[in-house]
N, C-alpha and C. Protein backbone atom coordinates (compact mmCIF):
# COMPACT_ATOMS: atom_id res chain seq x y z
N UNK A 1 14.31 3.26 11.97
CA UNK A 1 13.78 4.81 10.79
C UNK A 1 12.21 3.83 11.22
N UNK A 2 11.69 2.73 10.74
CA UNK A 2 10.00 2.22 10.70
C UNK A 2 9.97 3.29 11.98
N UNK A 3 10.63 2.69 13.21
CA UNK A 3 9.83 3.46 14.49
C UNK A 3 9.07 4.90 14.52
N UNK A 4 9.92 5.62 13.52
CA UNK A 4 9.36 6.62 13.98
C UNK A 4 8.85 7.28 12.51
N UNK A 5 8.70 6.35 11.77
CA UNK A 5 7.43 6.43 10.68
C UNK A 5 6.27 5.78 10.96
N UNK A 6 6.12 4.81 12.35
CA UNK A 6 4.70 4.65 13.03
C UNK A 6 4.67 5.06 13.85
N UNK A 7 5.92 5.95 14.92
CA UNK A 7 5.21 7.18 15.30
C UNK A 7 3.94 7.87 15.11
N UNK A 8 4.72 8.46 14.29
CA UNK A 8 4.21 9.50 12.75
C UNK A 8 2.70 9.65 12.56
N UNK A 9 2.93 8.26 12.13
CA UNK A 9 1.32 7.66 11.96
C UNK A 9 0.36 7.43 12.68
N UNK A 10 1.19 6.98 14.02
CA UNK A 10 -0.06 6.92 14.66
C UNK A 10 -0.93 8.28 14.98
N UNK A 11 0.17 9.23 15.62
CA UNK A 11 -0.20 10.58 15.90
C UNK A 11 -1.00 11.51 15.14
N UNK A 12 -0.12 11.22 13.78
CA UNK A 12 -1.30 12.11 12.96
C UNK A 12 -3.17 11.25 12.76
N UNK A 13 -2.98 10.05 13.40
CA UNK A 13 -4.66 9.18 13.25
C UNK A 13 -5.18 9.01 13.76
N UNK A 14 -4.50 10.00 15.16
CA UNK A 14 -4.90 10.09 16.50
C UNK A 14 -5.39 11.76 16.75
N UNK A 15 -4.12 12.41 15.82
CA UNK A 15 -4.43 14.27 16.25
C UNK A 15 -4.85 15.30 14.76
N UNK A 16 -4.83 14.38 14.01
CA UNK A 16 -4.45 15.01 12.86
C UNK A 16 -3.42 15.47 12.00
N UNK A 17 -3.19 16.75 11.22
CA UNK A 17 -2.08 17.05 10.68
C UNK A 17 -1.85 18.55 12.03
N UNK A 18 -2.53 18.98 11.90
CA UNK A 18 -2.24 20.25 13.50
C UNK A 18 -1.61 19.26 15.17
N UNK A 19 -1.84 18.35 14.88
CA UNK A 19 -1.88 17.94 16.29
C UNK A 19 -0.31 17.43 16.44
N UNK A 20 0.60 17.02 15.00
CA UNK A 20 1.76 16.56 15.33
C UNK A 20 2.69 17.37 15.45
N UNK A 21 4.58 16.53 16.10
CA UNK A 21 5.27 17.95 16.28
C UNK A 21 6.10 17.04 16.70
N UNK A 22 7.61 17.40 16.50
CA UNK A 22 8.49 17.31 16.47
C UNK A 22 8.66 16.07 18.56
N UNK A 23 8.04 17.20 19.05
CA UNK A 23 8.22 16.67 20.52
C UNK A 23 7.63 15.28 20.37
N UNK A 24 6.16 15.61 20.01
CA UNK A 24 5.46 13.66 20.21
C UNK A 24 5.76 12.57 19.80
N UNK A 25 6.11 13.62 18.52
CA UNK A 25 7.10 12.32 17.14
C UNK A 25 8.00 11.65 18.12
N UNK A 26 9.20 12.66 18.64
CA UNK A 26 10.29 11.57 19.36
C UNK A 26 10.08 11.02 20.60
N UNK A 27 8.90 11.41 21.65
CA UNK A 27 8.65 10.76 23.12
C UNK A 27 8.19 9.51 22.66
N UNK A 28 7.31 9.44 21.62
CA UNK A 28 6.73 7.62 20.48
C UNK A 28 7.56 7.40 20.55
N UNK A 29 8.67 8.18 19.49
CA UNK A 29 9.30 6.75 18.92
C UNK A 29 10.69 6.60 20.00
N UNK A 30 10.90 7.39 21.17
CA UNK A 30 11.72 6.96 21.80
C UNK A 30 13.30 7.07 21.33
N UNK A 31 12.75 8.57 20.49
CA UNK A 31 14.60 9.01 19.70
C UNK A 31 14.38 10.61 20.41
N UNK A 32 15.40 10.96 19.84
CA UNK A 32 15.26 12.61 20.62
C UNK A 32 14.40 13.56 18.94
N UNK A 33 14.99 14.60 19.24
CA UNK A 33 14.39 15.93 18.15
C UNK A 33 15.44 16.53 17.79
N UNK A 34 16.39 15.78 18.30
CA UNK A 34 17.90 16.09 17.44
C UNK A 34 17.70 15.03 16.52
N UNK A 35 18.01 13.54 16.72
CA UNK A 35 17.91 12.63 16.36
C UNK A 35 16.62 13.25 14.58
N UNK A 36 15.99 13.44 15.00
CA UNK A 36 14.90 13.39 14.35
C UNK A 36 15.35 14.57 13.26
N UNK A 37 15.38 15.97 12.93
CA UNK A 37 15.96 16.81 12.80
C UNK A 37 17.06 15.98 11.69
N UNK A 38 18.11 15.75 12.40
CA UNK A 38 19.29 15.49 11.60
C UNK A 38 19.12 13.98 10.86
N UNK A 39 18.41 12.95 11.12
CA UNK A 39 17.78 12.38 10.14
C UNK A 39 16.38 12.50 9.39
N UNK A 40 16.02 12.83 9.62
CA UNK A 40 14.27 13.21 8.98
C UNK A 40 13.69 14.59 8.02
N UNK A 41 14.41 15.74 9.33
CA UNK A 41 14.76 17.51 8.31
C UNK A 41 14.04 17.51 9.47
N UNK A 42 13.87 19.13 8.84
CA UNK A 42 13.55 19.83 9.72
C UNK A 42 12.18 20.63 10.13
N UNK A 43 10.92 19.80 9.21
CA UNK A 43 9.68 20.71 8.98
C UNK A 43 8.55 19.34 9.09
N UNK A 44 7.64 19.95 9.87
CA UNK A 44 6.76 18.91 9.71
C UNK A 44 6.27 18.43 8.44
N UNK A 45 6.38 18.93 7.04
CA UNK A 45 6.34 18.12 5.89
C UNK A 45 7.78 17.49 5.91
N UNK A 46 8.43 17.52 6.20
CA UNK A 46 9.66 16.52 5.88
C UNK A 46 9.14 15.43 6.47
N UNK A 47 8.32 15.47 8.00
CA UNK A 47 8.56 14.42 8.83
C UNK A 47 7.34 13.24 7.94
N UNK A 48 5.82 14.51 7.61
CA UNK A 48 4.71 13.29 7.00
C UNK A 48 5.39 12.69 6.20
N UNK A 49 6.16 13.42 4.66
CA UNK A 49 6.69 12.51 4.37
C UNK A 49 7.38 11.66 3.82
N UNK A 50 8.51 11.48 4.89
CA UNK A 50 9.03 10.28 5.02
C UNK A 50 7.93 9.30 5.30
N UNK A 51 6.86 9.50 6.41
CA UNK A 51 6.27 8.80 6.79
C UNK A 51 5.44 7.75 5.47
N UNK A 52 4.74 8.95 5.29
CA UNK A 52 3.32 8.30 4.58
C UNK A 52 4.89 7.50 3.24
N UNK A 53 5.89 7.65 2.65
CA UNK A 53 6.37 7.42 1.86
C UNK A 53 7.17 5.65 2.35
N UNK A 54 6.97 5.52 3.10
CA UNK A 54 7.68 4.51 4.09
C UNK A 54 6.63 3.54 3.72
N UNK A 55 5.15 4.38 4.15
CA UNK A 55 4.80 2.96 4.24
C UNK A 55 3.89 3.14 3.42
N UNK A 56 3.63 3.69 2.45
CA UNK A 56 3.43 3.43 1.14
C UNK A 56 4.51 2.24 0.17
N UNK A 57 5.43 2.09 0.83
CA UNK A 57 6.50 1.70 -0.26
C UNK A 57 6.04 0.79 0.56
N UNK A 58 5.79 0.60 2.21
CA UNK A 58 5.55 -1.36 2.26
C UNK A 58 4.21 -2.21 1.80
N UNK A 59 3.23 -1.09 1.95
CA UNK A 59 1.83 -1.44 1.69
C UNK A 59 1.97 -1.48 -0.02
N UNK A 60 2.33 -1.16 -1.02
CA UNK A 60 2.15 -1.16 -1.95
C UNK A 60 4.03 -2.06 -2.97
N UNK A 61 4.71 -2.58 -2.17
CA UNK A 61 5.23 -3.25 -2.04
C UNK A 61 6.51 -2.95 -3.38
N UNK A 62 6.98 -1.54 -3.22
CA UNK A 62 7.42 -1.35 -4.78
C UNK A 62 8.65 -1.38 -4.45
N UNK A 63 9.41 -2.07 -3.82
CA UNK A 63 10.35 -2.62 -3.70
C UNK A 63 10.67 -3.58 -4.02
N UNK A 64 9.68 -4.58 -3.68
CA UNK A 64 10.03 -5.46 -4.95
C UNK A 64 10.03 -5.90 -6.38
N UNK A 65 10.34 -6.57 -6.44
CA UNK A 65 10.55 -6.66 -8.41
C UNK A 65 9.80 -6.96 -8.89
N UNK A 66 9.93 -7.12 -10.27
CA UNK A 66 8.37 -6.65 -11.06
C UNK A 66 8.81 -7.74 -12.05
N UNK A 67 9.60 -8.05 -12.19
CA UNK A 67 10.48 -8.97 -13.50
C UNK A 67 10.22 -10.38 -13.32
N UNK A 68 8.89 -10.84 -13.36
CA UNK A 68 8.31 -12.10 -13.89
C UNK A 68 7.74 -12.08 -15.52
N UNK A 69 8.45 -14.30 -15.59
CA UNK A 69 8.81 -13.95 -16.72
C UNK A 69 7.32 -15.06 -17.41
N UNK A 70 6.37 -14.96 -16.60
CA UNK A 70 5.17 -15.26 -17.44
C UNK A 70 4.12 -15.25 -15.78
N UNK A 71 2.74 -15.93 -15.97
CA UNK A 71 1.49 -15.67 -15.97
C UNK A 71 1.87 -16.42 -14.04
N UNK A 72 2.45 -17.72 -14.36
CA UNK A 72 2.72 -18.17 -12.72
C UNK A 72 3.37 -17.72 -12.32
N UNK A 73 4.77 -17.31 -12.70
CA UNK A 73 4.98 -16.17 -12.06
C UNK A 73 5.00 -15.02 -11.21
N UNK A 74 4.15 -14.51 -11.84
CA UNK A 74 3.29 -12.80 -12.29
C UNK A 74 2.28 -13.42 -10.46
N UNK A 75 1.50 -14.70 -11.14
CA UNK A 75 0.42 -15.11 -9.51
C UNK A 75 1.09 -15.17 -8.25
N UNK A 76 2.18 -16.28 -8.62
CA UNK A 76 2.71 -16.21 -7.05
C UNK A 76 3.52 -15.25 -6.51
N UNK A 77 3.74 -13.87 -7.09
CA UNK A 77 4.88 -13.23 -6.46
C UNK A 77 3.80 -12.01 -6.54
N UNK A 78 2.37 -12.17 -6.87
CA UNK A 78 1.35 -10.66 -7.05
C UNK A 78 0.76 -11.97 -5.17
N UNK A 79 0.18 -12.61 -4.90
CA UNK A 79 -0.95 -13.43 -4.10
C UNK A 79 0.80 -13.13 -2.80
N UNK A 80 1.84 -13.60 -3.26
CA UNK A 80 3.02 -13.81 -1.91
C UNK A 80 2.17 -11.88 -1.70
N UNK A 81 2.65 -10.50 -2.32
CA UNK A 81 2.46 -9.67 -2.16
C UNK A 81 1.80 -9.37 -1.13
N UNK A 82 0.40 -9.81 -1.42
CA UNK A 82 -1.02 -9.13 -1.12
C UNK A 82 -1.26 -10.25 0.13
N UNK A 83 -0.48 -11.71 0.54
CA UNK A 83 0.00 -11.75 2.05
C UNK A 83 0.98 -11.45 3.21
N UNK A 84 1.56 -10.63 2.64
CA UNK A 84 2.57 -9.47 3.19
C UNK A 84 1.95 -8.36 3.59
N UNK A 85 0.95 -8.12 2.12
CA UNK A 85 0.00 -6.39 2.53
C UNK A 85 -0.61 -6.98 4.17
N UNK A 86 -0.99 -8.45 3.99
CA UNK A 86 -3.01 -7.64 5.18
C UNK A 86 -1.53 -7.96 6.24
N UNK A 87 -0.47 -9.10 6.29
CA UNK A 87 -0.16 -8.93 7.41
C UNK A 87 0.93 -7.65 7.51
N UNK A 88 1.06 -6.53 6.84
CA UNK A 88 1.48 -5.51 7.19
C UNK A 88 0.55 -5.04 7.64
N UNK A 89 -1.09 -4.82 7.31
CA UNK A 89 -1.86 -4.49 8.07
C UNK A 89 -2.30 -4.32 9.21
N UNK A 90 -1.56 -5.85 9.72
CA UNK A 90 -2.37 -6.10 11.03
C UNK A 90 -1.37 -5.32 12.20
N UNK A 91 0.32 -5.74 11.51
CA UNK A 91 1.51 -5.37 12.59
C UNK A 91 1.15 -3.37 12.49
N UNK A 92 0.75 -2.83 11.53
CA UNK A 92 1.25 -1.42 11.25
C UNK A 92 -0.40 -0.72 11.08
N UNK A 93 -1.59 -0.59 11.96
CA UNK A 93 -2.74 -0.44 11.77
C UNK A 93 -3.23 0.52 11.90
N UNK A 94 -2.88 1.62 11.73
CA UNK A 94 -2.54 3.49 11.55
C UNK A 94 -2.58 3.63 10.39
N UNK A 95 -1.99 2.38 9.42
CA UNK A 95 -1.87 2.87 7.98
C UNK A 95 -3.04 2.99 7.31
N UNK A 96 -3.89 2.30 7.36
CA UNK A 96 -4.59 1.88 6.11
C UNK A 96 -6.37 3.51 7.13
N UNK A 97 -6.29 3.38 8.10
CA UNK A 97 -6.98 4.61 8.39
C UNK A 97 -6.71 5.79 7.17
N UNK A 98 -5.13 6.07 7.85
CA UNK A 98 -4.62 7.42 7.17
C UNK A 98 -4.94 7.80 5.48
N UNK A 99 -4.60 6.00 4.74
CA UNK A 99 -5.24 6.37 4.05
C UNK A 99 -6.54 6.56 3.70
N UNK A 100 -7.67 5.89 3.69
CA UNK A 100 -9.02 6.51 3.74
C UNK A 100 -9.05 7.89 4.16
N UNK A 101 -8.34 8.88 5.14
CA UNK A 101 -8.92 9.77 5.84
C UNK A 101 -8.10 10.87 4.58
N UNK A 102 -7.29 10.80 4.05
CA UNK A 102 -6.63 11.51 3.33
C UNK A 102 -6.18 11.38 1.64
N UNK A 103 -6.90 9.93 1.26
CA UNK A 103 -6.55 9.85 -0.64
C UNK A 103 -7.32 10.75 -0.98
N UNK A 104 -6.64 11.47 -1.94
CA UNK A 104 -8.17 12.14 -2.37
C UNK A 104 -7.42 13.80 -2.47
N UNK A 105 -7.29 14.36 -1.67
CA UNK A 105 -6.46 15.36 -0.22
C UNK A 105 -5.56 16.55 -1.24
N UNK A 106 -5.71 17.53 -1.11
CA UNK A 106 -4.46 18.37 -1.88
C UNK A 106 -3.32 18.55 -0.99
N UNK A 107 -3.64 17.90 -0.05
CA UNK A 107 -1.83 18.28 1.14
C UNK A 107 -1.04 17.44 0.82
N UNK A 108 -0.25 17.55 1.61
CA UNK A 108 1.24 16.55 1.41
C UNK A 108 1.29 15.43 1.48
N UNK A 109 0.44 14.94 2.21
CA UNK A 109 -0.12 13.24 2.65
C UNK A 109 -0.88 12.65 1.10
N UNK A 110 -2.05 13.68 0.95
CA UNK A 110 -3.02 13.12 0.02
C UNK A 110 -1.48 13.22 -1.33
N UNK A 111 -1.06 14.09 -1.59
CA UNK A 111 -0.29 14.30 -2.56
C UNK A 111 1.06 12.95 -3.02
N UNK A 112 1.57 12.21 -1.60
CA UNK A 112 2.29 11.53 -1.89
C UNK A 112 1.30 10.01 -1.76
N UNK A 113 0.31 10.06 -1.45
CA UNK A 113 -0.50 8.53 -1.59
C UNK A 113 -0.83 8.60 -2.94
N UNK A 114 -0.67 9.55 -4.03
CA UNK A 114 -1.42 9.82 -5.26
C UNK A 114 -0.24 9.37 -5.83
N UNK A 115 0.83 9.49 -5.54
CA UNK A 115 2.94 8.96 -6.60
C UNK A 115 2.67 7.92 -6.32
N UNK A 116 2.59 7.22 -4.72
CA UNK A 116 2.63 6.01 -4.81
C UNK A 116 1.77 4.70 -5.34
N UNK A 117 0.65 5.95 -5.61
CA UNK A 117 -0.78 4.97 -6.12
C UNK A 117 0.07 4.95 -8.10
N UNK A 118 0.15 6.10 -8.41
CA UNK A 118 1.10 6.07 -9.85
C UNK A 118 2.12 4.95 -9.86
N UNK A 119 3.03 5.22 -9.13
CA UNK A 119 3.83 3.83 -9.47
C UNK A 119 3.38 3.06 -9.71
N UNK A 120 2.42 2.18 -8.29
CA UNK A 120 1.76 1.31 -8.45
C UNK A 120 1.31 0.77 -9.75
N UNK A 121 0.61 1.54 -9.91
CA UNK A 121 -0.31 1.36 -11.43
C UNK A 121 0.23 1.35 -12.15
N UNK A 122 1.76 2.37 -12.78
CA UNK A 122 2.16 2.07 -13.91
C UNK A 122 3.16 0.65 -13.79
N UNK A 123 3.15 0.20 -12.93
CA UNK A 123 4.53 -1.21 -13.18
C UNK A 123 3.91 -2.21 -13.01
N UNK A 124 2.46 -2.35 -12.20
CA UNK A 124 1.45 -2.62 -12.70
C UNK A 124 1.10 -3.34 -14.46
N UNK A 125 0.50 -2.09 -14.22
CA UNK A 125 0.13 -2.45 -15.84
C UNK A 125 0.82 -2.82 -16.83
N UNK A 126 2.30 -2.56 -16.44
CA UNK A 126 3.54 -2.65 -18.07
C UNK A 126 3.08 -4.45 -17.64
N UNK A 127 3.36 -4.79 -16.38
CA UNK A 127 3.48 -6.53 -16.04
C UNK A 127 2.19 -6.77 -16.78
N UNK A 128 1.16 -6.16 -16.35
CA UNK A 128 -0.02 -7.27 -17.32
C UNK A 128 -0.02 -6.34 -18.60
N UNK A 129 0.20 -6.23 -19.31
CA UNK A 129 0.58 -5.98 -20.90
C UNK A 129 1.66 -6.96 -21.40
N UNK A 130 2.63 -6.72 -20.80
CA UNK A 130 3.72 -7.24 -21.07
C UNK A 130 3.48 -9.16 -21.27
N UNK A 131 3.08 -9.75 -20.10
CA UNK A 131 2.76 -10.99 -19.34
C UNK A 131 1.11 -11.81 -20.13
N UNK A 132 0.57 -10.56 -20.32
CA UNK A 132 -0.50 -11.34 -20.58
C UNK A 132 -1.26 -10.53 -21.75
N UNK A 133 0.35 -9.98 -22.51
CA UNK A 133 -0.69 -9.33 -23.87
C UNK A 133 -1.69 -8.63 -23.83
N UNK A 134 -2.13 -7.68 -22.80
CA UNK A 134 -3.62 -6.98 -22.50
C UNK A 134 -2.65 -5.70 -23.27
N UNK A 135 -4.25 -5.46 -24.25
CA UNK A 135 -3.96 -3.77 -24.94
C UNK A 135 -3.78 -2.62 -23.40
N UNK A 136 -3.14 -1.38 -24.00
CA UNK A 136 -2.93 -0.12 -22.70
C UNK A 136 -3.70 -0.74 -21.87
N UNK A 137 -5.34 0.06 -22.66
CA UNK A 137 -6.21 0.38 -21.64
C UNK A 137 -6.78 -0.78 -20.44
N UNK A 138 -6.97 -1.84 -21.35
CA UNK A 138 -7.18 -3.39 -20.36
C UNK A 138 -6.20 -3.48 -19.24
N UNK A 139 -5.29 -3.34 -19.88
CA UNK A 139 -4.02 -3.46 -18.81
C UNK A 139 -4.39 -2.21 -17.15
N UNK A 140 -4.58 -1.20 -17.88
CA UNK A 140 -4.71 -0.45 -16.83
C UNK A 140 -5.70 -0.25 -16.14
N UNK A 141 -6.82 -0.77 -16.69
CA UNK A 141 -8.37 -1.68 -15.82
C UNK A 141 -8.03 -2.51 -14.76
N UNK A 142 -7.66 -3.32 -15.25
CA UNK A 142 -6.36 -5.23 -14.73
C UNK A 142 -6.13 -3.73 -13.57
N UNK A 143 -4.65 -2.99 -13.26
CA UNK A 143 -4.33 -2.80 -12.39
C UNK A 143 -5.48 -2.09 -11.49
N UNK A 144 -6.20 -1.43 -11.27
CA UNK A 144 -7.25 -0.56 -11.01
C UNK A 144 -8.20 -1.60 -10.32
N UNK A 145 -8.48 -2.42 -10.85
CA UNK A 145 -9.30 -3.44 -10.29
C UNK A 145 -7.97 -4.05 -9.34
N UNK A 146 -6.81 -4.44 -9.31
CA UNK A 146 -6.13 -4.94 -8.35
C UNK A 146 -6.02 -4.01 -7.57
N UNK A 147 -5.75 -2.80 -7.27
CA UNK A 147 -5.35 -2.15 -6.83
C UNK A 147 -6.61 -1.96 -5.63
N UNK A 148 -7.74 -2.07 -5.87
CA UNK A 148 -8.83 -2.17 -5.41
C UNK A 148 -9.32 -3.31 -4.82
N UNK A 149 -9.33 -3.85 -4.88
CA UNK A 149 -8.82 -5.71 -4.55
C UNK A 149 -7.50 -5.23 -3.64
N UNK A 150 -6.96 -5.00 -3.76
CA UNK A 150 -5.80 -4.95 -2.24
C UNK A 150 -6.24 -3.73 -1.22
N UNK A 151 -6.62 -3.27 -1.93
CA UNK A 151 -6.92 -1.89 -0.16
C UNK A 151 -8.55 -2.00 0.15
N UNK A 152 -9.38 -3.19 -0.63
CA UNK A 152 -10.55 -3.17 0.07
C UNK A 152 -10.51 -4.52 1.28
N UNK A 153 -9.52 -5.29 -0.04
CA UNK A 153 -9.36 -6.62 1.41
C UNK A 153 -8.67 -6.34 2.59
N UNK A 154 -7.64 -5.69 2.47
CA UNK A 154 -7.10 -5.31 3.43
C UNK A 154 -7.74 -4.29 4.63
N UNK A 155 -8.98 -3.61 3.90
CA UNK A 155 -9.75 -2.56 4.78
C UNK A 155 -10.54 -3.47 5.74
N UNK A 156 -11.29 -4.76 4.88
CA UNK A 156 -11.76 -5.74 5.81
C UNK A 156 -10.78 -6.07 6.77
N UNK A 157 -9.88 -6.65 6.27
CA UNK A 157 -9.36 -7.67 7.62
C UNK A 157 -8.72 -6.67 8.39
N UNK A 158 -8.59 -5.79 8.00
CA UNK A 158 -8.18 -4.39 9.50
C UNK A 158 -9.90 -4.91 10.45
N UNK A 159 -10.50 -4.43 9.87
CA UNK A 159 -12.05 -3.09 10.40
C UNK A 159 -13.05 -4.30 10.40
N UNK A 160 -13.00 -5.41 10.23
CA UNK A 160 -13.94 -6.12 10.59
C UNK A 160 -13.27 -7.63 10.84
N UNK A 161 -14.98 -8.18 11.55
CA UNK A 161 -14.42 -9.37 11.85
C UNK A 161 -14.00 -10.74 10.78
N UNK A 162 -13.26 -10.45 9.25
CA UNK A 162 -12.93 -10.53 8.23
C UNK A 162 -11.80 -12.05 8.45
N UNK A 163 -10.91 -11.63 9.78
CA UNK A 163 -10.02 -12.71 9.98
C UNK A 163 -9.81 -13.13 10.96
N UNK A 164 -10.98 -13.19 11.70
CA UNK A 164 -12.02 -14.39 12.32
C UNK A 164 -12.23 -15.64 11.76
N UNK A 165 -13.23 -15.54 10.46
CA UNK A 165 -13.47 -15.86 9.78
C UNK A 165 -12.99 -16.92 8.96
N UNK A 166 -12.26 -15.74 8.20
CA UNK A 166 -11.45 -17.21 7.13
C UNK A 166 -9.52 -16.78 7.68
N UNK A 167 -8.79 -17.63 7.20
CA UNK A 167 -7.90 -17.97 7.49
C UNK A 167 -6.86 -16.95 6.15
N UNK A 168 -6.03 -17.15 6.78
CA UNK A 168 -5.15 -15.75 5.72
C UNK A 168 -4.49 -16.90 4.62
N UNK A 169 -4.54 -18.38 5.20
CA UNK A 169 -3.96 -19.26 3.75
C UNK A 169 -4.47 -19.71 2.48
N UNK A 170 -6.73 -19.80 3.40
CA UNK A 170 -7.86 -19.84 2.23
C UNK A 170 -7.79 -18.45 1.10
N UNK A 171 -7.81 -17.43 2.05
CA UNK A 171 -7.39 -15.89 0.98
C UNK A 171 -7.27 -16.19 0.08
N UNK A 172 -5.34 -16.64 0.48
CA UNK A 172 -4.42 -16.82 -0.44
C UNK A 172 -4.86 -17.39 -1.41
N UNK A 173 -5.63 -18.71 -1.17
CA UNK A 173 -5.89 -20.02 -1.88
C UNK A 173 -6.90 -19.49 -2.76
N UNK A 174 -8.25 -18.43 -2.23
CA UNK A 174 -8.80 -17.79 -2.88
C UNK A 174 -8.18 -17.22 -4.40
N UNK A 175 -7.26 -16.18 -3.51
CA UNK A 175 -6.85 -15.66 -4.35
C UNK A 175 -6.35 -15.74 -5.96
N UNK A 176 -5.74 -17.03 -5.72
CA UNK A 176 -4.39 -17.49 -6.78
C UNK A 176 -5.89 -17.86 -7.62
N UNK A 177 -6.59 -18.72 -7.18
CA UNK A 177 -7.72 -19.37 -8.26
C UNK A 177 -8.85 -18.45 -9.41
N UNK A 178 -8.65 -16.82 -8.46
CA UNK A 178 -9.35 -15.67 -9.29
C UNK A 178 -8.70 -15.29 -10.50
N UNK A 179 -7.63 -15.00 -10.09
CA UNK A 179 -6.41 -13.50 -10.49
C UNK A 179 -6.36 -14.24 -11.75
N UNK A 180 -5.90 -15.06 -12.58
CA UNK A 180 -6.15 -15.66 -13.69
C UNK A 180 -6.54 -15.54 -14.30
N UNK A 181 -8.33 -16.30 -13.68
CA UNK A 181 -9.43 -15.86 -15.17
C UNK A 181 -9.93 -14.46 -14.84
N UNK A 182 -10.23 -14.05 -13.80
CA UNK A 182 -10.17 -12.63 -13.87
C UNK A 182 -9.37 -11.49 -14.96
N UNK A 183 -8.08 -11.70 -15.02
CA UNK A 183 -7.42 -10.94 -16.04
C UNK A 183 -7.73 -11.44 -17.48
N UNK A 184 -7.69 -13.01 -18.05
CA UNK A 184 -8.09 -13.73 -18.76
C UNK A 184 -9.54 -13.34 -19.39
N UNK A 185 -10.37 -12.79 -18.91
CA UNK A 185 -12.01 -12.77 -19.12
C UNK A 185 -11.66 -11.05 -19.99
N UNK A 186 -10.78 -10.01 -18.37
CA UNK A 186 -10.80 -8.81 -19.50
C UNK A 186 -9.83 -9.18 -20.25
N UNK A 187 -9.60 -9.99 -20.38
CA UNK A 187 -8.70 -9.68 -22.33
C UNK A 187 -9.51 -9.90 -22.92
N UNK A 188 -10.45 -10.99 -23.12
CA UNK A 188 -11.32 -11.33 -23.84
C UNK A 188 -12.68 -10.46 -23.75
N UNK A 189 -12.78 -9.93 -23.72
CA UNK A 189 -13.85 -8.53 -23.50
C UNK A 189 -13.11 -6.91 -23.68
N UNK A 190 -11.72 -6.67 -23.99
CA UNK A 190 -10.60 -6.11 -24.31
C UNK A 190 -11.62 -4.66 -24.48
N UNK A 191 -11.27 -3.49 -24.01
CA UNK A 191 -10.82 -2.38 -24.24
C UNK A 191 -10.94 -1.56 -25.21
């Protein structure tokens, strides 16, 4: 299934929505069109939704547990998910260009991205409120900043020479040292 999602996003990145076809995806993913119809659906919209949702969940780590008990567990989980995001960015290089190309658009891809972000932000906001006792408005702002950091650093990791200059472990240590003070500073200046 992941192979189909990856093939769909590669074709979308290279040819746009109008270049997407079941034949192209089937050929690229080494499955039959019949298989696609049976397991994914019969329309381009279903194929797109499947691919974007699949990778959106990987990138947002929506399936990871968010039940951290304290700031140390939250930090450990957040940094681990960040490391997996960097790995996924390299493993699936078509995903971020799709994100930047379609984020904010009114089509299915844009709406799916928006929905995934909404879930991520909601979960992150709730955790920040609970763990750091942040007011709701401040927790939401912190969640937005964290999402921006994730997407921005992942983009630089993929598109610039950042990963040749900085080891992943060094970046994760930097994040480990920086995130809690950043959030606590936000708490002092609550909105």
